[in-house]
């Protein structure tokens, strides 16, 4: 009987930058080769999780000579603050980079106080 060999995808920890702005945070994750339909961003309680899968196919009529990029699974988790607006997080993916805009909760946003002239 022929034996079926399953190849597990290597799990890679993507590089992440987090920038704090006045009213929100920006999280940037490098996901080279990730298929857009495989990217998943979730928040469960206080854990934000980013997962994705990448394929690196060799074009027809080409021969791979050296390769450090292989099919992989990206996985990264972060503990998030209670002071974020979870319902209004925005995500975009372009050129292998996932960007999340994570708004701060209203009570953390900078508020301008009007000054009355007398």
Protein backbone atom coordinates (compact mmCIF):
# COMPACT_ATOMS: atom_id res chain seq x y z
CA UNK A 1 0.00 0.00 0.00
CA UNK A 2 1.37 3.43 -0.94
CA UNK A 3 2.09 5.76 1.93
CA UNK A 4 0.74 9.30 1.72
CA UNK A 5 3.13 11.92 3.03
CA UNK A 6 1.66 15.17 4.30
CA UNK A 7 3.90 18.21 4.31
CA UNK A 8 3.22 20.55 7.18
CA UNK A 9 3.59 24.22 6.39
CA UNK A 10 6.39 25.89 8.27
CA UNK A 11 5.05 28.52 10.69
CA UNK A 12 6.72 31.90 10.33
CA UNK A 13 6.49 34.84 12.75
CA UNK A 14 6.00 37.95 10.63
CA UNK A 15 7.82 41.18 11.41
CA UNK A 16 5.47 43.76 12.95
CA UNK A 17 5.69 47.50 13.58
CA UNK A 18 3.21 49.34 15.83
CA UNK A 19 2.94 53.12 15.69
CA UNK A 20 0.91 55.23 18.10
CA UNK A 21 -0.90 58.25 16.71
CA UNK A 22 -3.07 60.75 18.54
CA UNK A 23 -6.36 58.86 18.12
CA UNK A 24 -5.32 55.41 16.90
CA UNK A 25 -2.58 52.82 16.53
CA UNK A 26 -1.22 51.54 13.23
CA UNK A 27 0.03 47.96 13.05
CA UNK A 28 2.05 46.93 10.00
CA UNK A 29 2.79 43.25 9.35
CA UNK A 30 5.06 41.84 6.64
CA UNK A 31 3.32 38.91 4.95
CA UNK A 32 5.27 38.38 1.71
CA UNK A 33 3.51 36.06 -0.70
CA UNK A 34 0.39 35.74 1.46
CA UNK A 35 -2.77 34.95 -0.46
CA UNK A 36 -5.28 37.68 0.27
CA UNK A 37 -8.06 35.13 0.78
CA UNK A 38 -6.01 33.34 3.47
CA UNK A 39 -5.39 36.38 5.70
CA UNK A 40 -7.37 36.29 8.93
CA UNK A 41 -7.35 38.91 11.70
CA UNK A 42 -9.33 38.16 14.84
CA UNK A 43 -9.74 39.53 18.35
CA UNK A 44 -10.82 37.10 21.04
CA UNK A 45 -11.06 38.72 24.46
CA UNK A 46 -7.70 40.51 24.72
CA UNK A 47 -5.77 38.57 22.05
CA UNK A 48 -5.38 39.87 18.49
CA UNK A 49 -4.31 37.10 16.10
CA UNK A 50 -2.99 37.43 12.55
CA UNK A 51 -2.75 34.32 10.36
CA UNK A 52 -2.12 33.84 6.66
CA UNK A 53 -0.71 31.33 4.20
CA UNK A 54 1.81 32.01 1.46
CA UNK A 55 2.63 30.10 -1.69
CA UNK A 56 5.76 30.72 -3.68
CA UNK A 57 5.27 29.00 -7.01
CA UNK A 58 8.05 28.76 -9.55
CA UNK A 59 6.87 30.11 -12.91
CA UNK A 60 6.74 27.64 -15.77
CA UNK A 61 9.95 27.11 -17.73
CA UNK A 62 12.03 28.32 -14.78
CA UNK A 63 14.25 26.31 -12.46
CA UNK A 64 14.69 27.03 -8.81
CA UNK A 65 18.40 27.36 -7.99
CA UNK A 66 18.22 28.71 -4.46
CA UNK A 67 15.19 29.42 -2.30
CA UNK A 68 14.62 30.82 1.16
CA UNK A 69 10.93 31.54 0.55
CA UNK A 70 8.87 28.40 0.82
CA UNK A 71 5.14 27.87 1.29
CA UNK A 72 4.44 28.85 4.89
CA UNK A 73 1.85 29.78 7.45
CA UNK A 74 2.19 33.17 9.13
CA UNK A 75 1.04 33.39 12.74
CA UNK A 76 1.36 36.20 15.27
CA UNK A 77 -0.57 37.09 18.42
CA UNK A 78 -0.67 40.21 20.57
CA UNK A 79 -2.36 41.12 23.81
CA UNK A 80 -4.42 44.24 23.11
CA UNK A 81 -5.48 47.00 25.46
CA UNK A 82 -9.03 47.25 26.69
CA UNK A 83 -8.87 50.86 25.60
CA UNK A 84 -9.26 50.21 21.87
CA UNK A 85 -12.38 50.50 19.74
CA UNK A 86 -12.66 46.87 18.61
CA UNK A 87 -15.69 47.52 16.40
CA UNK A 88 -13.93 50.00 14.12
CA UNK A 89 -10.59 48.34 13.29
CA UNK A 90 -9.77 48.66 9.60
CA UNK A 91 -7.46 46.30 7.68
CA UNK A 92 -5.87 46.55 4.24
CA UNK A 93 -3.35 44.42 2.36
CA UNK A 94 -1.08 45.67 -0.39
CA UNK A 95 2.28 44.52 -1.78
CA UNK A 96 2.78 41.88 0.92
CA UNK A 97 2.06 44.26 3.80
CA UNK A 98 -0.99 44.02 6.08
CA UNK A 99 -1.95 47.34 7.71
CA UNK A 100 -4.36 47.63 10.63
CA UNK A 101 -5.72 50.94 11.88
CA UNK A 102 -6.83 50.39 15.47
CA UNK A 103 -8.79 53.31 16.92
CA UNK A 104 -8.40 54.26 20.55
CA UNK A 105 -11.52 54.19 22.70
CA UNK A 106 -13.25 57.56 22.93
CA UNK A 107 -12.13 58.21 26.49
CA UNK A 108 -8.46 57.97 25.40
CA UNK A 109 -8.67 60.28 22.41
CA UNK A 110 -7.14 63.71 22.73
CA UNK A 111 -9.87 66.27 23.29
CA UNK A 112 -9.51 69.97 22.73
CA UNK A 113 -10.95 72.09 25.51
CA UNK A 114 -12.45 75.37 24.45
CA UNK A 115 -11.24 78.47 26.30
CA UNK A 116 -13.73 81.18 27.04
CA UNK A 117 -12.45 84.73 26.66
CA UNK A 118 -13.71 87.23 29.24
